Amino acid sequence: MSELRVLRDRAVAAQADIDRLDDSAPGGSRSLLCKTTTVTTYPSSASSFFAVIAQDADGPETEGASATFTDSTGDAFYAYNVGSAIPATGSQVIVHFVGGKACFRWDG
């Protein structure tokens, strides 16, 4: 393999790493509506990582209308609770991505 090819591959890999670190979005961090769930053992401490599943919201977009929520097709992932209380399993939370990590705040 030529030295030029090696340097080009390294530049592509470095750019991919930079792109993954840049999680800023206009107006704030990226966020998802999620629902807490149990994968193995539900946490017994508020300051812990909780398994969450992304939710899709649907319904008529009119004032006063209610929405229906369904699990997204993605797998569960883990988000850290920066709040002071433990959410019940199945609680809806807004997960924000900060510095490459997912987190939410639940104070009860």
Foldseek 3Di string as FASTA:
>chain_A
DDPVVVVVVVVVVVVVVVVLQPQADVPGGDKFKWFFADDDDADPFQFDKTWIFGWDWDDDPDPPTDIDIDTDPDDIDIATEPEHDRDDGGDIFMWGQDRNGIYTYDHD
